[in-house]
Amino acid sequence: MLNLMILDDHPLVRQGIRGIVTTDGKVDVVGEASTVQEALAVMERTQPQLAIVDLNLGGVSGLEFIRQAGDLGYSCKYLILTSSATRGELQTAQSLGVEGICLKEALPEDLLYAVDVVARGRKYYDPMFMDCLMDSGPTAEERAFAELTPKELEVLIALGRGCSNKDIARDLYITEFTVKKHVSQILCKLNLADRTQVALYALTKGLVRFEPAFV
């Protein structure tokens, strides 16, 4: 019996995944979570062998859960579910040792196959994502990131940490007006709408990290 946990911020999606993976009686869903912190608590309590993780948890990347779980020394395989992913996210997933990535739009039998493949210690990446990883040359996102100045990168990291303009100005020894100019440039260059998207971008790129809230 394979012990499995599900991390997704939508209850109906979790219910659907549970229904699919338990079809053949080979999987025991030992826990569910909707946030990174809930998932870490479930991980500590149940020690699952495999975790199915939504990539986008309502503004937080599921990769952050995988990163923190790895830092805490948990031994678990990971299968990401997502409708889309940038090449940067896919590369981050690879660097974290993620065993599988499956489309949310996949057929139930495809998800069952992915779970089985990963559970047996092999990799499963949906062909669509493999094509993205194998595509040569920098992406538009990578080119935009490369265009950030050193100071804009510092501001980006500070925004990822949730710092206010006043905090950034104090820490970087610049004026709040200058901070606002840097923020505007970051939003423009990276084609992001607001500070929340900037913070998520910094997290996804691995520029910042959230520490677990419990010991």
Protein backbone atom coordinates (compact mmCIF):
# COMPACT_ATOMS: atom_id res chain seq x y z
CA MET A 1 0.00 0.00 0.00
CA LEU A 2 1.35 3.42 -1.01
CA ASN A 3 0.91 6.20 1.59
CA LEU A 4 0.07 9.42 -0.23
CA MET A 5 -0.79 13.00 0.70
CA ILE A 6 -2.49 15.68 -1.40
CA LEU A 7 -1.66 19.40 -1.36
CA ASP A 8 -4.13 21.57 -3.26
CA ASP A 9 -5.94 24.72 -2.21
CA HIS A 10 -9.28 23.63 -3.73
CA PRO A 11 -11.32 21.08 -1.69
CA LEU A 12 -13.16 19.76 -4.76
CA VAL A 13 -9.88 19.16 -6.58
CA ARG A 14 -8.50 17.27 -3.57
CA GLN A 15 -11.67 15.18 -3.46
CA GLY A 16 -11.34 14.40 -7.16
CA ILE A 17 -7.69 13.40 -6.84
CA ARG A 18 -8.48 11.20 -3.84
CA GLY A 19 -11.24 9.48 -5.79
CA ILE A 20 -8.93 8.76 -8.72
CA VAL A 21 -5.81 7.55 -6.89
CA THR A 22 -7.72 5.23 -4.56
CA THR A 23 -9.58 3.52 -7.41
CA ASP A 24 -7.41 0.39 -7.56
CA GLY A 25 -7.03 -0.02 -3.78
CA LYS A 26 -3.24 0.33 -3.93
CA VAL A 27 -3.09 3.86 -2.47
CA ASP A 28 -3.94 5.09 1.02
CA VAL A 29 -4.45 8.87 1.20
CA VAL A 30 -3.02 9.60 4.65
CA GLY A 31 -3.57 13.35 4.63
CA GLU A 32 -4.70 16.45 2.76
CA ALA A 33 -3.63 20.09 2.98
CA SER A 34 -4.46 23.42 1.36
CA THR A 35 -1.39 25.45 2.37
CA VAL A 36 2.35 24.95 2.71
CA GLN A 37 2.24 25.06 6.50
CA GLU A 38 -0.66 22.58 6.68
CA ALA A 39 1.23 20.28 4.31
CA LEU A 40 4.38 20.39 6.43
CA ALA A 41 2.31 19.46 9.48
CA VAL A 42 0.72 16.56 7.58
CA MET A 43 4.15 15.49 6.38
CA GLU A 44 5.49 15.44 9.94
CA ARG A 45 2.48 13.53 11.23
CA THR A 46 2.00 10.93 8.47
CA GLN A 47 5.40 10.54 6.73
CA PRO A 48 3.89 9.85 3.28
CA GLN A 49 5.84 8.08 0.58
CA LEU A 50 4.42 10.27 -2.19
CA ALA A 51 2.93 13.77 -2.23
CA ILE A 52 0.77 15.13 -5.04
CA VAL A 53 1.38 18.89 -5.04
CA ASP A 54 -0.47 21.69 -6.84
CA LEU A 55 2.05 24.07 -8.38
CA ASN A 56 -0.02 27.20 -7.72
CA LEU A 57 -1.44 27.45 -4.22
CA GLY A 58 -3.31 30.71 -4.53
CA GLY A 59 -0.28 32.98 -4.71
CA VAL A 60 2.32 30.61 -3.24
CA SER A 61 4.28 28.07 -5.26
CA GLY A 62 3.95 24.40 -4.36
CA LEU A 63 7.67 24.21 -5.00
CA GLU A 64 8.18 26.10 -1.74
CA PHE A 65 6.59 23.21 0.16
CA ILE A 66 8.91 20.76 -1.59
CA ARG A 67 11.91 22.98 -0.80
CA GLN A 68 11.02 23.26 2.89
CA ALA A 69 10.21 19.57 3.21
CA GLY A 70 13.62 18.77 1.74
CA ASP A 71 15.34 21.16 4.15
CA LEU A 72 13.59 19.43 7.04
CA GLY A 73 14.92 16.07 5.85
CA TYR A 74 11.65 14.37 4.93
CA SER A 75 12.00 11.39 2.60
CA CYS A 76 9.20 11.63 0.06
CA LYS A 77 8.61 11.49 -3.68
CA TYR A 78 6.77 14.38 -5.35
CA LEU A 79 4.32 14.55 -8.24
CA ILE A 80 3.32 18.07 -9.29
CA LEU A 81 -0.09 18.75 -10.80
CA THR A 82 -0.48 21.92 -12.87
CA SER A 83 -2.26 23.39 -15.88
CA SER A 84 0.83 25.32 -16.95
CA ALA A 85 4.41 25.93 -15.90
CA THR A 86 7.22 28.19 -17.03
CA ARG A 87 10.55 26.73 -18.01
CA GLY A 88 12.00 28.38 -14.91
CA GLU A 89 9.50 26.55 -12.71
CA LEU A 90 10.26 23.27 -14.47
CA GLN A 91 13.99 23.78 -13.99
CA THR A 92 13.44 24.58 -10.31
CA ALA A 93 11.37 21.41 -9.97
CA GLN A 94 14.20 19.41 -11.51
CA SER A 95 16.76 21.00 -9.20
CA LEU A 96 14.59 20.04 -6.21
CA GLY A 97 14.50 16.43 -7.39
CA VAL A 98 10.79 16.38 -8.23
CA GLU A 99 9.99 12.96 -9.66
CA GLY A 100 6.91 13.81 -11.71
CA ILE A 101 4.87 16.58 -13.35
CA CYS A 102 1.38 15.83 -14.64
CA LEU A 103 -1.22 18.04 -16.29
CA LYS A 104 -4.36 18.78 -14.28
CA GLU A 105 -6.27 18.21 -17.50
CA ALA A 106 -4.91 14.66 -17.79
CA LEU A 107 -7.27 11.70 -17.95
CA PRO A 108 -7.74 9.74 -14.70
CA GLU A 109 -5.78 6.81 -16.15
CA ASP A 110 -2.89 9.15 -16.96
CA LEU A 111 -2.74 10.34 -13.35
CA LEU A 112 -2.87 6.75 -12.11
CA TYR A 113 -0.03 5.87 -14.46
CA ALA A 114 2.02 8.87 -13.28
CA VAL A 115 1.51 7.88 -9.62
CA ASP A 116 2.54 4.31 -10.39
CA VAL A 117 5.65 5.38 -12.32
CA VAL A 118 6.81 7.77 -9.59
CA ALA A 119 6.03 5.28 -6.81
CA ARG A 120 8.30 2.76 -8.55
CA GLY A 121 11.19 5.22 -8.42
CA ARG A 122 11.07 6.47 -11.99
CA LYS A 123 10.49 9.92 -13.48
CA TYR A 124 7.23 10.99 -15.11
CA TYR A 125 7.13 14.32 -16.96
CA ASP A 126 4.19 15.03 -19.24
CA PRO A 127 5.45 15.26 -22.85
CA MET A 128 4.28 18.89 -23.05
CA PHE A 129 6.66 19.85 -20.26
CA MET A 130 9.51 17.82 -21.72
CA ASP A 131 9.19 19.79 -24.95
CA CYS A 132 9.43 23.00 -22.95
CA LEU A 133 12.54 21.85 -21.09
CA MET A 134 14.26 20.73 -24.27
CA ASP A 135 13.52 23.97 -26.13
CA SER A 136 16.81 25.75 -26.80
CA GLY A 137 17.59 29.38 -26.14
CA PRO A 138 16.52 31.72 -23.35
CA THR A 139 12.83 32.37 -22.86
CA ALA A 140 11.30 35.86 -22.88
CA GLU A 141 11.04 35.60 -19.07
CA GLU A 142 14.72 34.70 -18.77
CA ARG A 143 15.72 37.59 -21.05
CA ALA A 144 13.59 40.00 -19.00
CA PHE A 145 15.14 38.79 -15.75
CA ALA A 146 18.62 39.24 -17.21
CA GLU A 147 17.78 42.88 -17.98
CA LEU A 148 17.30 43.78 -14.31
CA THR A 149 20.01 46.00 -12.91
CA PRO A 150 21.84 44.91 -9.73
CA LYS A 151 19.85 47.44 -7.70
CA GLU A 152 16.55 46.31 -9.23
CA LEU A 153 17.48 42.74 -8.31
CA GLU A 154 18.07 43.82 -4.71
CA VAL A 155 14.68 45.52 -4.65
CA LEU A 156 13.06 42.43 -6.21
CA ILE A 157 14.47 40.22 -3.45
CA ALA A 158 13.30 42.68 -0.78
CA LEU A 159 9.81 42.70 -2.29
CA GLY A 160 9.87 38.92 -2.23
CA ARG A 161 10.52 39.11 1.51
CA GLY A 162 7.49 41.34 1.96
CA CYS A 163 9.43 44.52 2.74
CA SER A 164 7.71 47.90 2.46
CA ASN A 165 9.14 50.76 0.40
CA LYS A 166 10.27 52.40 3.64
CA ASP A 167 12.10 49.24 4.74
CA ILE A 168 13.76 48.86 1.35
CA ALA A 169 14.86 52.51 1.31
CA ARG A 170 16.42 52.13 4.76
CA ASP A 171 18.17 48.83 4.01
CA LEU A 172 19.52 49.89 0.60
CA TYR A 173 20.36 53.47 1.61
CA ILE A 174 18.18 55.04 -1.07
CA THR A 175 15.10 57.26 -1.00
CA GLU A 176 11.55 55.94 -1.07
CA PHE A 177 11.09 57.82 -4.35
CA THR A 178 13.98 55.84 -5.84
CA VAL A 179 12.46 52.61 -4.50
CA LYS A 180 9.19 53.43 -6.27
CA LYS A 181 11.09 53.99 -9.53
CA HIS A 182 12.82 50.62 -9.16
CA VAL A 183 9.52 48.89 -8.41
CA SER A 184 7.96 50.43 -11.51
CA GLN A 185 10.89 49.26 -13.63
CA ILE A 186 10.65 45.74 -12.20
CA LEU A 187 6.92 45.55 -12.92
CA CYS A 188 7.50 46.82 -16.45
CA LYS A 189 10.48 44.59 -17.31
CA LEU A 190 8.97 41.42 -15.88
CA ASN A 191 5.44 42.19 -17.14
CA LEU A 192 3.95 41.82 -13.66
CA ALA A 193 0.83 43.56 -12.39
CA ASP A 194 1.54 44.25 -8.72
CA ARG A 195 3.76 43.62 -5.71
CA THR A 196 2.03 40.33 -4.93
CA GLN A 197 3.01 38.96 -8.34
CA VAL A 198 6.54 40.25 -7.81
CA ALA A 199 6.77 38.43 -4.47
CA LEU A 200 5.53 35.19 -6.03
CA TYR A 201 7.98 35.62 -8.91
CA ALA A 202 10.89 36.03 -6.47
CA LEU A 203 9.77 32.92 -4.59
CA THR A 204 9.41 30.83 -7.75
CA LYS A 205 12.86 31.91 -8.95
CA GLY A 206 14.33 30.76 -5.64
CA LEU A 207 15.49 34.29 -4.73
CA VAL A 208 13.71 34.16 -1.37
CA ARG A 209 12.30 31.46 0.84
CA PHE A 210 9.79 31.20 3.66
CA GLU A 211 10.92 29.60 6.89
CA PRO A 212 8.63 27.03 8.55
CA ALA A 213 6.42 28.60 11.22
CA PHE A 214 6.87 25.69 13.65
CA VAL A 215 9.72 23.77 15.17
